[in-house]
């Protein structure tokens, strides 16, 4: 019997990039091992250097194959294990899903900076800078358009769960952490993502962690 693939992740509470491939693999029932390397510790660099050429997580190790980018991990996995469905079947939905996933992968810098993922926190009265608010507006516009055009077949952006949902899942947690207003379509979508058994599993593990990152814990004070 071959060894299980290994997904190396950072702290579940803070590592948004780790959540994305983990949720994608878990949602479709792939058997894999999860290994955590704590971020922002004295030993992080030494540990991550043994598995990642970029000194970053996540990393997927599948036998002799190593994949070290969150989007690349998911695309590799969808080819390697056919049961993992990355994209909607409809060509127009598929095109939009690819575009908005790539947009999340490469953009939204202000939102990342001013609203770091922190599942354990609940921040009240946080006034986001204008650039971060613009990022939030764009995210919500994406959700409304995807749900309006392609979401009739289920509760997710393109109906059934896809790679796009895995990539926007950390934003779901950010909106809840920082108390950003949600209504209608976006509220229902947030509730659908948070109800996923895999998402509940990740968040439960995040809340049980003892590691802290002071810079992330001070945002919003």
N, C-alpha and C. Protein backbone atom coordinates (compact mmCIF):
# COMPACT_ATOMS: atom_id res chain seq x y z
N UNK A 1 0.85 -1.19 0.00
CA UNK A 1 0.00 0.00 0.00
C UNK A 1 0.88 1.25 0.00
N UNK A 2 0.60 2.17 -0.89
CA UNK A 2 1.40 3.38 -0.97
C UNK A 2 1.05 4.32 0.18
N UNK A 3 2.01 5.13 0.56
CA UNK A 3 1.80 6.08 1.65
C UNK A 3 0.81 7.15 1.24
N UNK A 4 0.10 7.69 2.22
CA UNK A 4 -0.83 8.77 1.93
C UNK A 4 -0.07 10.02 1.52
N UNK A 5 -0.66 10.83 0.63
CA UNK A 5 -0.07 12.15 0.38
C UNK A 5 -0.08 12.96 1.67
N UNK A 6 0.89 13.86 1.79
CA UNK A 6 1.02 14.69 2.98
C UNK A 6 0.84 16.16 2.61
N UNK A 7 -0.04 16.84 3.32
CA UNK A 7 -0.22 18.26 3.12
C UNK A 7 0.39 18.97 4.33
N UNK A 8 1.40 19.76 4.07
CA UNK A 8 2.08 20.52 5.12
C UNK A 8 1.43 21.90 5.19
N UNK A 9 0.93 22.27 6.35
CA UNK A 9 0.20 23.52 6.51
C UNK A 9 0.78 24.34 7.65
N UNK A 10 0.38 25.61 7.71
CA UNK A 10 0.69 26.45 8.85
C UNK A 10 -0.42 26.38 9.87
N UNK A 11 -0.31 27.19 10.91
CA UNK A 11 -1.33 27.23 11.95
C UNK A 11 -2.70 27.39 11.32
N UNK A 12 -3.64 26.59 11.74
CA UNK A 12 -4.98 26.68 11.15
C UNK A 12 -5.66 28.01 11.46
N UNK A 13 -5.34 28.60 12.59
CA UNK A 13 -5.99 29.85 12.95
C UNK A 13 -5.61 31.00 12.03
N UNK A 14 -4.40 30.99 11.51
CA UNK A 14 -3.88 32.13 10.76
C UNK A 14 -3.59 31.86 9.27
N UNK A 15 -3.36 30.63 8.90
CA UNK A 15 -2.82 30.35 7.57
C UNK A 15 -3.92 30.20 6.52
N UNK A 16 -4.32 31.31 5.93
CA UNK A 16 -5.37 31.27 4.92
C UNK A 16 -4.96 30.46 3.70
N UNK A 17 -3.69 30.56 3.32
CA UNK A 17 -3.22 29.81 2.15
C UNK A 17 -3.27 28.31 2.41
N UNK A 18 -3.06 27.89 3.65
CA UNK A 18 -3.13 26.47 3.98
C UNK A 18 -4.56 25.96 3.95
N UNK A 19 -5.50 26.80 4.41
CA UNK A 19 -6.91 26.39 4.43
C UNK A 19 -7.40 26.03 3.03
N UNK A 20 -7.00 26.78 2.03
CA UNK A 20 -7.56 26.60 0.69
C UNK A 20 -7.37 25.17 0.15
N UNK A 21 -6.16 24.66 0.02
CA UNK A 21 -6.03 23.30 -0.49
C UNK A 21 -6.54 22.25 0.48
N UNK A 22 -6.37 22.49 1.78
CA UNK A 22 -6.87 21.52 2.76
C UNK A 22 -8.37 21.33 2.59
N UNK A 23 -9.12 22.44 2.50
CA UNK A 23 -10.56 22.36 2.36
C UNK A 23 -10.95 21.68 1.06
N UNK A 24 -10.24 22.01 -0.02
CA UNK A 24 -10.54 21.40 -1.31
C UNK A 24 -10.35 19.89 -1.27
N UNK A 25 -9.23 19.44 -0.73
CA UNK A 25 -8.96 18.00 -0.66
C UNK A 25 -9.95 17.30 0.27
N UNK A 26 -10.22 17.93 1.40
CA UNK A 26 -11.09 17.31 2.41
C UNK A 26 -12.53 17.25 1.95
N UNK A 27 -12.98 18.30 1.29
CA UNK A 27 -14.37 18.35 0.85
C UNK A 27 -14.72 17.20 -0.07
N UNK A 28 -13.75 16.78 -0.88
CA UNK A 28 -14.01 15.70 -1.82
C UNK A 28 -13.56 14.34 -1.29
N UNK A 29 -13.22 14.28 -0.02
CA UNK A 29 -12.99 12.99 0.63
C UNK A 29 -11.66 12.33 0.35
N UNK A 30 -10.68 13.08 -0.12
CA UNK A 30 -9.36 12.49 -0.35
C UNK A 30 -8.73 12.12 0.98
N UNK A 31 -8.13 10.94 1.03
CA UNK A 31 -7.38 10.52 2.22
C UNK A 31 -5.97 11.09 2.14
N UNK A 32 -5.61 11.91 3.11
CA UNK A 32 -4.28 12.49 3.14
C UNK A 32 -3.91 12.81 4.58
N UNK A 33 -2.62 12.93 4.84
CA UNK A 33 -2.13 13.28 6.17
C UNK A 33 -1.88 14.79 6.23
N UNK A 34 -2.22 15.39 7.36
CA UNK A 34 -1.98 16.81 7.58
C UNK A 34 -0.87 16.99 8.60
N UNK A 35 0.12 17.80 8.26
CA UNK A 35 1.20 18.11 9.19
C UNK A 35 1.30 19.63 9.33
N UNK A 36 1.36 20.09 10.58
CA UNK A 36 1.36 21.53 10.87
C UNK A 36 2.77 21.99 11.25
N UNK A 37 3.21 23.07 10.61
CA UNK A 37 4.43 23.77 11.03
C UNK A 37 4.00 25.14 11.53
N UNK A 38 4.27 25.43 12.78
CA UNK A 38 3.80 26.68 13.38
C UNK A 38 4.51 27.88 12.76
N UNK A 39 3.72 28.84 12.31
CA UNK A 39 4.25 30.06 11.72
C UNK A 39 4.85 30.97 12.79
N UNK A 40 5.74 31.85 12.35
CA UNK A 40 6.25 32.92 13.22
C UNK A 40 6.89 32.38 14.49
N UNK A 41 7.61 31.27 14.36
CA UNK A 41 8.36 30.71 15.48
C UNK A 41 9.83 30.64 15.10
N UNK A 42 10.68 30.48 16.10
CA UNK A 42 12.12 30.45 15.86
C UNK A 42 12.52 29.27 15.00
N UNK A 43 11.74 28.20 15.05
CA UNK A 43 12.10 26.98 14.34
C UNK A 43 11.41 26.83 12.99
N UNK A 44 10.55 27.79 12.63
CA UNK A 44 9.78 27.64 11.40
C UNK A 44 10.67 27.47 10.18
N UNK A 45 11.66 28.33 10.03
CA UNK A 45 12.50 28.30 8.82
C UNK A 45 13.22 26.96 8.69
N UNK A 46 13.74 26.45 9.78
CA UNK A 46 14.45 25.16 9.70
C UNK A 46 13.50 24.05 9.29
N UNK A 47 12.31 24.04 9.88
CA UNK A 47 11.35 22.98 9.58
C UNK A 47 10.85 23.07 8.14
N UNK A 48 10.46 24.27 7.71
CA UNK A 48 9.86 24.40 6.39
C UNK A 48 10.89 24.17 5.29
N UNK A 49 12.16 24.43 5.57
CA UNK A 49 13.21 24.24 4.57
C UNK A 49 13.35 22.78 4.16
N UNK A 50 12.91 21.87 5.01
CA UNK A 50 13.01 20.44 4.68
C UNK A 50 11.95 20.00 3.67
N UNK A 51 10.91 20.84 3.45
CA UNK A 51 9.83 20.42 2.56
C UNK A 51 9.50 21.43 1.46
N UNK A 52 9.91 22.70 1.62
CA UNK A 52 9.47 23.73 0.69
C UNK A 52 10.63 24.54 0.14
N UNK A 53 10.79 24.59 -1.18
CA UNK A 53 11.87 25.39 -1.76
C UNK A 53 11.65 26.89 -1.61
N UNK A 54 10.41 27.30 -1.36
CA UNK A 54 10.11 28.72 -1.18
C UNK A 54 10.10 29.14 0.29
N UNK A 55 10.28 28.16 1.18
CA UNK A 55 10.22 28.40 2.63
C UNK A 55 8.83 28.90 3.06
N UNK A 56 7.82 28.41 2.36
CA UNK A 56 6.44 28.77 2.68
C UNK A 56 5.57 27.53 2.71
N UNK A 57 4.44 27.65 3.37
CA UNK A 57 3.41 26.62 3.33
C UNK A 57 2.19 27.21 2.62
N UNK A 58 1.34 26.33 2.06
CA UNK A 58 1.30 24.89 2.14
C UNK A 58 2.19 24.21 1.10
N UNK A 59 2.43 22.93 1.35
CA UNK A 59 3.17 22.08 0.42
C UNK A 59 2.48 20.72 0.40
N UNK A 60 2.26 20.16 -0.78
CA UNK A 60 1.74 18.81 -0.91
C UNK A 60 2.87 17.89 -1.32
N UNK A 61 3.04 16.82 -0.58
CA UNK A 61 4.04 15.79 -0.89
C UNK A 61 3.29 14.52 -1.25
N UNK A 62 3.45 14.10 -2.50
CA UNK A 62 2.77 12.91 -3.02
C UNK A 62 3.83 11.99 -3.59
N UNK A 63 4.32 11.07 -2.77
CA UNK A 63 5.44 10.25 -3.20
C UNK A 63 6.66 11.13 -3.47
N UNK A 64 7.21 11.03 -4.68
CA UNK A 64 8.37 11.84 -5.06
C UNK A 64 7.98 13.21 -5.59
N UNK A 65 6.68 13.49 -5.66
CA UNK A 65 6.21 14.76 -6.21
C UNK A 65 5.96 15.76 -5.09
N UNK A 66 6.47 16.98 -5.29
CA UNK A 66 6.26 18.06 -4.33
C UNK A 66 5.60 19.24 -5.05
N UNK A 67 4.53 19.78 -4.47
CA UNK A 67 3.83 20.92 -5.05
C UNK A 67 3.69 21.97 -3.94
N UNK A 68 4.18 23.20 -4.20
CA UNK A 68 4.34 24.16 -3.10
C UNK A 68 3.58 25.47 -3.27
N UNK A 69 2.54 25.48 -4.02
CA UNK A 69 1.68 26.66 -4.14
C UNK A 69 0.24 26.21 -3.98
N UNK A 70 -0.58 27.00 -3.28
CA UNK A 70 -1.93 26.56 -2.96
C UNK A 70 -2.77 26.26 -4.21
N UNK A 71 -2.73 27.14 -5.20
CA UNK A 71 -3.49 26.90 -6.42
C UNK A 71 -2.93 25.72 -7.19
N UNK A 72 -1.61 25.64 -7.28
CA UNK A 72 -0.98 24.51 -7.97
C UNK A 72 -1.33 23.19 -7.29
N UNK A 73 -1.37 23.19 -5.96
CA UNK A 73 -1.73 21.97 -5.24
C UNK A 73 -3.13 21.50 -5.65
N UNK A 74 -4.07 22.43 -5.67
CA UNK A 74 -5.45 22.05 -6.00
C UNK A 74 -5.58 21.59 -7.44
N UNK A 75 -4.91 22.26 -8.36
CA UNK A 75 -4.99 21.86 -9.77
C UNK A 75 -4.30 20.51 -9.99
N UNK A 76 -3.16 20.31 -9.34
CA UNK A 76 -2.48 19.02 -9.41
C UNK A 76 -3.40 17.92 -8.88
N UNK A 77 -4.00 18.18 -7.72
CA UNK A 77 -4.85 17.17 -7.10
C UNK A 77 -6.05 16.82 -7.96
N UNK A 78 -6.63 17.82 -8.64
CA UNK A 78 -7.80 17.56 -9.48
C UNK A 78 -7.45 16.72 -10.69
N UNK A 79 -6.19 16.76 -11.13
CA UNK A 79 -5.73 15.90 -12.22
C UNK A 79 -5.30 14.53 -11.70
N UNK A 80 -4.70 14.52 -10.54
CA UNK A 80 -4.16 13.28 -9.96
C UNK A 80 -5.26 12.37 -9.45
N UNK A 81 -6.30 12.96 -8.85
CA UNK A 81 -7.41 12.20 -8.29
C UNK A 81 -8.70 12.71 -8.92
N UNK A 82 -9.24 12.03 -9.91
CA UNK A 82 -10.35 12.54 -10.71
C UNK A 82 -11.61 12.88 -9.93
N UNK A 83 -11.79 12.34 -8.73
CA UNK A 83 -12.97 12.66 -7.94
C UNK A 83 -12.98 14.07 -7.40
N UNK A 84 -11.86 14.76 -7.48
CA UNK A 84 -11.77 16.14 -7.00
C UNK A 84 -12.13 17.07 -8.15
N UNK A 85 -13.29 17.70 -8.07
CA UNK A 85 -13.82 18.50 -9.17
C UNK A 85 -13.47 19.96 -8.95
N UNK A 86 -12.55 20.49 -9.75
CA UNK A 86 -12.09 21.86 -9.55
C UNK A 86 -13.10 22.89 -10.05
N UNK A 87 -13.69 22.64 -11.22
CA UNK A 87 -14.45 23.70 -11.90
C UNK A 87 -15.84 23.24 -12.29
N UNK A 88 -16.78 24.18 -12.43
CA UNK A 88 -18.10 23.83 -12.96
C UNK A 88 -18.00 23.28 -14.38
N UNK A 89 -19.00 22.52 -14.78
CA UNK A 89 -19.01 21.93 -16.12
C UNK A 89 -19.39 22.96 -17.18
N UNK A 90 -20.36 23.81 -16.89
CA UNK A 90 -20.81 24.82 -17.85
C UNK A 90 -19.64 25.72 -18.26
N UNK A 91 -19.41 25.92 -19.56
CA UNK A 91 -18.24 26.70 -19.99
C UNK A 91 -18.19 28.12 -19.46
N UNK A 92 -19.33 28.81 -19.43
CA UNK A 92 -19.34 30.18 -18.93
C UNK A 92 -19.08 30.22 -17.43
N UNK A 93 -19.71 29.31 -16.71
CA UNK A 93 -19.47 29.23 -15.27
C UNK A 93 -18.02 28.86 -14.99
N UNK A 94 -17.51 27.93 -15.77
CA UNK A 94 -16.12 27.50 -15.60
C UNK A 94 -15.16 28.67 -15.83
N UNK A 95 -15.42 29.46 -16.86
CA UNK A 95 -14.55 30.60 -17.16
C UNK A 95 -14.56 31.60 -16.01
N UNK A 96 -15.74 31.90 -15.49
CA UNK A 96 -15.81 32.85 -14.39
C UNK A 96 -15.15 32.28 -13.13
N UNK A 97 -15.38 31.00 -12.86
CA UNK A 97 -14.78 30.37 -11.68
C UNK A 97 -13.25 30.43 -11.75
N UNK A 98 -12.71 30.17 -12.91
CA UNK A 98 -11.25 30.26 -13.08
C UNK A 98 -10.77 31.69 -12.84
N UNK A 99 -11.49 32.66 -13.41
CA UNK A 99 -11.08 34.06 -13.31
C UNK A 99 -11.12 34.56 -11.87
N UNK A 100 -12.21 34.26 -11.15
CA UNK A 100 -12.32 34.80 -9.79
C UNK A 100 -11.39 34.06 -8.83
N UNK A 101 -11.07 32.80 -9.13
CA UNK A 101 -10.09 32.09 -8.31
C UNK A 101 -8.70 32.68 -8.52
N UNK A 102 -8.36 32.95 -9.76
CA UNK A 102 -7.07 33.59 -10.04
C UNK A 102 -7.01 34.99 -9.45
N UNK A 103 -8.14 35.71 -9.47
CA UNK A 103 -8.18 37.05 -8.89
C UNK A 103 -7.90 36.99 -7.39
N UNK A 104 -8.48 36.01 -6.71
CA UNK A 104 -8.20 35.87 -5.28
C UNK A 104 -6.76 35.46 -5.03
N UNK A 105 -6.25 34.59 -5.87
CA UNK A 105 -4.88 34.10 -5.69
C UNK A 105 -3.86 35.23 -5.82
N UNK A 106 -4.14 36.21 -6.66
CA UNK A 106 -3.13 37.23 -6.95
C UNK A 106 -3.45 38.60 -6.39
N UNK A 107 -4.65 38.80 -5.89
CA UNK A 107 -5.07 40.15 -5.52
C UNK A 107 -5.51 40.31 -4.08
N UNK A 108 -6.28 41.38 -3.85
CA UNK A 108 -6.87 41.68 -2.54
C UNK A 108 -5.81 41.89 -1.46
N UNK A 109 -4.74 42.60 -1.82
CA UNK A 109 -3.64 42.81 -0.88
C UNK A 109 -4.07 43.61 0.34
N UNK A 110 -4.90 44.62 0.15
CA UNK A 110 -5.32 45.44 1.29
C UNK A 110 -6.15 44.63 2.27
N UNK A 111 -7.03 43.80 1.77
CA UNK A 111 -7.84 42.96 2.64
C UNK A 111 -6.96 41.99 3.43
N UNK A 112 -5.99 41.41 2.78
CA UNK A 112 -5.06 40.50 3.47
C UNK A 112 -4.30 41.23 4.57
N UNK A 113 -3.84 42.45 4.26
CA UNK A 113 -3.02 43.21 5.21
C UNK A 113 -3.82 43.66 6.42
N UNK A 114 -5.00 44.19 6.18
CA UNK A 114 -5.76 44.82 7.26
C UNK A 114 -6.74 43.87 7.94
N UNK A 115 -6.98 42.71 7.35
CA UNK A 115 -7.87 41.72 7.96
C UNK A 115 -7.23 40.34 7.89
N UNK A 116 -6.11 40.11 8.58
CA UNK A 116 -5.50 38.79 8.54
C UNK A 116 -6.46 37.73 9.09
N UNK A 117 -6.39 36.53 8.53
CA UNK A 117 -7.27 35.47 9.01
C UNK A 117 -6.95 35.19 10.47
N UNK A 118 -7.98 35.13 11.29
CA UNK A 118 -7.81 34.89 12.72
C UNK A 118 -9.13 34.34 13.24
N UNK A 119 -9.30 33.04 13.12
CA UNK A 119 -10.59 32.41 13.39
C UNK A 119 -11.01 32.54 14.84
N UNK A 120 -10.04 32.62 15.75
CA UNK A 120 -10.36 32.67 17.18
C UNK A 120 -10.89 34.03 17.63
N UNK A 121 -10.69 35.08 16.85
CA UNK A 121 -11.04 36.43 17.30
C UNK A 121 -12.42 36.86 16.82
N UNK A 122 -12.97 37.80 17.56
CA UNK A 122 -14.20 38.47 17.15
C UNK A 122 -14.01 39.95 17.45
N UNK A 123 -13.85 40.75 16.40
CA UNK A 123 -13.50 42.17 16.53
C UNK A 123 -14.75 43.01 16.31
N UNK A 124 -14.99 43.94 17.22
CA UNK A 124 -16.17 44.81 17.14
C UNK A 124 -15.73 46.24 16.82
N UNK A 125 -16.42 46.87 15.89
CA UNK A 125 -16.19 48.28 15.61
C UNK A 125 -14.90 48.59 14.89
N UNK A 126 -14.43 47.66 14.07
CA UNK A 126 -13.17 47.86 13.34
C UNK A 126 -13.45 48.69 12.09
N UNK A 127 -12.78 49.84 11.98
CA UNK A 127 -12.95 50.72 10.81
C UNK A 127 -11.87 50.38 9.79
N UNK A 128 -12.26 49.72 8.71
CA UNK A 128 -11.30 49.33 7.69
C UNK A 128 -10.86 50.53 6.87
N UNK A 129 -9.59 50.56 6.46
CA UNK A 129 -9.14 51.59 5.51
C UNK A 129 -9.89 51.47 4.18
N UNK A 130 -9.89 52.54 3.42
CA UNK A 130 -10.66 52.59 2.17
C UNK A 130 -10.28 51.48 1.20
N UNK A 131 -8.98 51.20 1.07
CA UNK A 131 -8.55 50.17 0.12
C UNK A 131 -9.05 48.79 0.53
N UNK A 132 -9.06 48.51 1.82
CA UNK A 132 -9.57 47.23 2.29
C UNK A 132 -11.08 47.14 2.08
N UNK A 133 -11.78 48.24 2.31
CA UNK A 133 -13.23 48.25 2.05
C UNK A 133 -13.53 48.03 0.57
N UNK A 134 -12.70 48.59 -0.29
CA UNK A 134 -12.88 48.37 -1.73
C UNK A 134 -12.69 46.89 -2.07
N UNK A 135 -11.73 46.25 -1.42
CA UNK A 135 -11.54 44.81 -1.64
C UNK A 135 -12.77 44.03 -1.18
N UNK A 136 -13.31 44.39 -0.03
CA UNK A 136 -14.51 43.70 0.47
C UNK A 136 -15.67 43.89 -0.51
N UNK A 137 -15.83 45.10 -1.01
CA UNK A 137 -16.90 45.36 -1.98
C UNK A 137 -16.74 44.51 -3.22
N UNK A 138 -15.52 44.36 -3.68
CA UNK A 138 -15.28 43.55 -4.87
C UNK A 138 -15.59 42.08 -4.60
N UNK A 139 -15.18 41.57 -3.44
CA UNK A 139 -15.48 40.18 -3.09
C UNK A 139 -16.99 39.95 -3.09
N UNK A 140 -17.71 40.83 -2.43
CA UNK A 140 -19.16 40.65 -2.35
C UNK A 140 -19.82 40.76 -3.72
N UNK A 141 -19.28 41.61 -4.58
CA UNK A 141 -19.82 41.71 -5.94
C UNK A 141 -19.59 40.42 -6.71
N UNK A 142 -18.43 39.82 -6.53
CA UNK A 142 -18.14 38.52 -7.16
C UNK A 142 -19.14 37.48 -6.69
N UNK A 143 -19.35 37.43 -5.40
CA UNK A 143 -20.27 36.43 -4.86
C UNK A 143 -21.68 36.62 -5.41
N UNK A 144 -22.14 37.87 -5.43
CA UNK A 144 -23.50 38.12 -5.91
C UNK A 144 -23.64 37.76 -7.39
N UNK A 145 -22.64 38.11 -8.20
CA UNK A 145 -22.72 37.79 -9.62
C UNK A 145 -22.69 36.29 -9.85
N UNK A 146 -21.77 35.60 -9.20
CA UNK A 146 -21.66 34.15 -9.39
C UNK A 146 -22.94 33.45 -8.95
N UNK A 147 -23.44 33.82 -7.79
CA UNK A 147 -24.67 33.18 -7.30
C UNK A 147 -25.85 33.52 -8.21
N UNK A 148 -25.91 34.77 -8.66
CA UNK A 148 -27.02 35.17 -9.51
C UNK A 148 -27.02 34.51 -10.87
N UNK A 149 -25.84 34.35 -11.46
CA UNK A 149 -25.75 33.78 -12.80
C UNK A 149 -25.68 32.26 -12.80
N UNK A 150 -25.00 31.68 -11.81
CA UNK A 150 -24.67 30.25 -11.90
C UNK A 150 -24.97 29.44 -10.65
N UNK A 151 -25.55 30.05 -9.63
CA UNK A 151 -25.67 29.37 -8.36
C UNK A 151 -26.95 28.61 -8.11
N UNK A 152 -27.80 28.49 -9.10
CA UNK A 152 -29.12 27.90 -8.86
C UNK A 152 -29.06 26.41 -8.51
N UNK A 153 -27.95 25.74 -8.83
CA UNK A 153 -27.87 24.30 -8.59
C UNK A 153 -27.38 23.91 -7.21
N UNK A 154 -27.18 24.86 -6.32
CA UNK A 154 -26.69 24.53 -4.98
C UNK A 154 -26.44 25.79 -4.18
N UNK A 155 -25.74 25.63 -3.07
CA UNK A 155 -25.56 26.74 -2.14
C UNK A 155 -24.27 27.51 -2.33
N UNK A 156 -23.45 27.09 -3.31
CA UNK A 156 -22.12 27.67 -3.43
C UNK A 156 -22.05 28.61 -4.64
N UNK A 157 -20.89 29.20 -4.88
CA UNK A 157 -20.79 30.26 -5.88
C UNK A 157 -21.31 29.83 -7.24
N UNK A 158 -20.99 28.59 -7.61
CA UNK A 158 -21.41 28.09 -8.93
C UNK A 158 -22.33 26.88 -8.78
N UNK A 159 -23.13 26.91 -7.73
CA UNK A 159 -24.04 25.81 -7.45
C UNK A 159 -23.38 24.80 -6.55
N UNK A 160 -22.72 23.81 -7.15
CA UNK A 160 -21.96 22.84 -6.37
C UNK A 160 -20.61 23.40 -5.93
N UNK A 161 -20.05 22.80 -4.92
CA UNK A 161 -18.75 23.24 -4.39
C UNK A 161 -17.68 23.12 -5.46
N UNK A 162 -16.84 24.16 -5.59
CA UNK A 162 -15.76 24.16 -6.57
C UNK A 162 -14.51 24.77 -5.94
N UNK A 163 -13.47 24.81 -6.72
CA UNK A 163 -12.21 25.40 -6.26
C UNK A 163 -12.39 26.87 -5.88
N UNK A 164 -13.29 27.56 -6.55
CA UNK A 164 -13.55 28.96 -6.20
C UNK A 164 -13.99 29.09 -4.75
N UNK A 165 -14.83 28.19 -4.28
CA UNK A 165 -15.29 28.25 -2.90
C UNK A 165 -14.15 28.01 -1.92
N UNK A 166 -13.26 27.09 -2.25
CA UNK A 166 -12.11 26.85 -1.39
C UNK A 166 -11.24 28.09 -1.29
N UNK A 167 -11.12 28.83 -2.38
CA UNK A 167 -10.26 30.01 -2.38
C UNK A 167 -10.90 31.20 -1.67
N UNK A 168 -12.22 31.26 -1.64
CA UNK A 168 -12.87 32.36 -0.92
C UNK A 168 -13.21 32.00 0.52
N UNK A 169 -13.00 30.77 0.93
CA UNK A 169 -13.32 30.36 2.30
C UNK A 169 -12.59 31.19 3.36
N UNK A 170 -11.29 31.50 3.20
CA UNK A 170 -10.65 32.35 4.21
C UNK A 170 -11.27 33.74 4.31
N UNK A 171 -11.79 34.26 3.21
CA UNK A 171 -12.46 35.56 3.26
C UNK A 171 -13.75 35.46 4.06
N UNK A 172 -14.43 34.33 3.94
CA UNK A 172 -15.61 34.10 4.76
C UNK A 172 -15.27 34.26 6.24
N UNK A 173 -14.18 33.66 6.67
CA UNK A 173 -13.80 33.78 8.09
C UNK A 173 -13.43 35.21 8.43
N UNK A 174 -12.77 35.91 7.51
CA UNK A 174 -12.39 37.30 7.78
C UNK A 174 -13.62 38.19 7.99
N UNK A 175 -14.62 38.03 7.14
CA UNK A 175 -15.83 38.84 7.27
C UNK A 175 -16.49 38.63 8.62
N UNK A 176 -16.45 37.40 9.12
CA UNK A 176 -17.02 37.10 10.43
C UNK A 176 -16.14 37.63 11.56
N UNK A 177 -14.84 37.44 11.44
CA UNK A 177 -13.92 37.89 12.49
C UNK A 177 -14.01 39.39 12.72
N UNK A 178 -14.07 40.15 11.63
CA UNK A 178 -14.01 41.61 11.74
C UNK A 178 -15.39 42.27 11.70
N UNK A 179 -16.43 41.46 11.82
CA UNK A 179 -17.77 41.99 11.97
C UNK A 179 -18.26 42.82 10.81
N UNK A 180 -17.88 42.43 9.59
CA UNK A 180 -18.29 43.21 8.43
C UNK A 180 -19.73 42.88 8.05
N UNK A 181 -20.51 43.88 7.62
CA UNK A 181 -21.94 43.67 7.39
C UNK A 181 -22.20 42.72 6.22
N UNK A 182 -23.14 41.84 6.45
CA UNK A 182 -23.53 40.87 5.44
C UNK A 182 -25.05 40.81 5.38
N UNK A 183 -25.58 40.66 4.18
CA UNK A 183 -27.03 40.55 4.05
C UNK A 183 -27.34 39.74 2.80
N UNK A 184 -28.53 39.18 2.79
CA UNK A 184 -29.04 38.52 1.60
C UNK A 184 -28.15 37.41 1.08
N UNK A 185 -27.75 37.57 -0.19
CA UNK A 185 -26.99 36.53 -0.89
C UNK A 185 -25.68 36.23 -0.18
N UNK A 186 -24.95 37.27 0.22
CA UNK A 186 -23.65 37.04 0.83
C UNK A 186 -23.77 36.38 2.21
N UNK A 187 -24.78 36.73 2.99
CA UNK A 187 -25.00 36.09 4.28
C UNK A 187 -25.30 34.61 4.11
N UNK A 188 -26.16 34.27 3.16
CA UNK A 188 -26.50 32.87 2.90
C UNK A 188 -25.27 32.09 2.45
N UNK A 189 -24.43 32.73 1.63
CA UNK A 189 -23.23 32.04 1.15
C UNK A 189 -22.25 31.80 2.30
N UNK A 190 -22.05 32.78 3.15
CA UNK A 190 -21.17 32.62 4.31
C UNK A 190 -21.67 31.47 5.18
N UNK A 191 -22.95 31.40 5.41
CA UNK A 191 -23.51 30.34 6.23
C UNK A 191 -23.31 28.97 5.59
N UNK A 192 -23.43 28.90 4.26
CA UNK A 192 -23.23 27.62 3.57
C UNK A 192 -21.79 27.14 3.70
N UNK A 193 -20.83 28.05 3.53
CA UNK A 193 -19.42 27.67 3.65
C UNK A 193 -19.11 27.25 5.08
N UNK A 194 -19.57 28.01 6.06
CA UNK A 194 -19.26 27.68 7.45
C UNK A 194 -19.95 26.39 7.91
N UNK A 195 -21.00 25.97 7.21
CA UNK A 195 -21.70 24.74 7.57
C UNK A 195 -21.03 23.49 7.03
N UNK A 196 -20.08 23.64 6.12
CA UNK A 196 -19.40 22.47 5.58
C UNK A 196 -18.71 21.70 6.70
N UNK A 197 -18.88 20.37 6.77
CA UNK A 197 -18.20 19.60 7.82
C UNK A 197 -16.69 19.82 7.83
N UNK A 198 -16.08 19.91 6.65
CA UNK A 198 -14.64 20.13 6.59
C UNK A 198 -14.27 21.50 7.14
N UNK A 199 -15.10 22.51 6.88
CA UNK A 199 -14.84 23.85 7.40
C UNK A 199 -14.99 23.86 8.91
N UNK A 200 -16.00 23.19 9.41
CA UNK A 200 -16.18 23.12 10.87
C UNK A 200 -15.00 22.41 11.52
N UNK A 201 -14.50 21.38 10.85
CA UNK A 201 -13.35 20.65 11.39
C UNK A 201 -12.12 21.55 11.47
N UNK A 202 -11.86 22.30 10.40
CA UNK A 202 -10.70 23.20 10.39
C UNK A 202 -10.83 24.27 11.48
N UNK A 203 -12.00 24.89 11.59
CA UNK A 203 -12.20 25.96 12.57
C UNK A 203 -12.10 25.44 14.00
N UNK A 204 -12.61 24.24 14.24
CA UNK A 204 -12.49 23.65 15.57
C UNK A 204 -11.03 23.43 15.94
N UNK A 205 -10.25 22.92 14.99
CA UNK A 205 -8.82 22.72 15.23
C UNK A 205 -8.11 24.06 15.43
N UNK A 206 -8.53 25.10 14.69
CA UNK A 206 -7.92 26.42 14.84
C UNK A 206 -8.14 26.96 16.25
N UNK A 207 -9.35 26.79 16.76
CA UNK A 207 -9.65 27.31 18.09
C UNK A 207 -8.92 26.54 19.19
N UNK A 208 -8.55 25.31 18.89
CA UNK A 208 -7.86 24.49 19.89
C UNK A 208 -6.36 24.73 19.92
N UNK A 209 -5.82 25.42 18.92
CA UNK A 209 -4.38 25.66 18.87
C UNK A 209 -3.94 26.62 19.98
N UNK A 210 -2.71 26.43 20.44
CA UNK A 210 -2.17 27.31 21.48
C UNK A 210 -1.21 28.36 20.91
N UNK A 211 -0.78 28.20 19.65
CA UNK A 211 0.14 29.17 19.05
C UNK A 211 -0.54 30.53 18.88
N UNK A 212 0.23 31.57 19.01
CA UNK A 212 -0.27 32.91 18.75
C UNK A 212 0.71 33.68 17.88
N UNK A 213 0.18 34.63 17.13
CA UNK A 213 0.98 35.56 16.34
C UNK A 213 0.55 36.96 16.75
N UNK A 214 1.41 37.66 17.48
CA UNK A 214 1.02 38.91 18.12
C UNK A 214 0.51 39.94 17.11
N UNK A 215 1.18 40.05 15.98
CA UNK A 215 0.79 41.07 14.99
C UNK A 215 -0.64 40.85 14.51
N UNK A 216 -1.01 39.60 14.27
CA UNK A 216 -2.36 39.32 13.80
C UNK A 216 -3.39 39.52 14.92
N UNK A 217 -3.00 39.22 16.15
CA UNK A 217 -3.93 39.36 17.27
C UNK A 217 -4.18 40.80 17.66
N UNK A 218 -3.35 41.72 17.22
CA UNK A 218 -3.51 43.12 17.58
C UNK A 218 -4.30 43.93 16.55
N UNK A 219 -4.56 43.36 15.40
CA UNK A 219 -5.32 44.09 14.37
C UNK A 219 -6.72 44.37 14.89
N UNK A 220 -7.15 45.62 14.75
CA UNK A 220 -8.50 45.98 15.17
C UNK A 220 -8.58 46.55 16.56
N UNK A 221 -7.48 46.54 17.31
CA UNK A 221 -7.48 47.13 18.65
C UNK A 221 -7.46 48.65 18.55
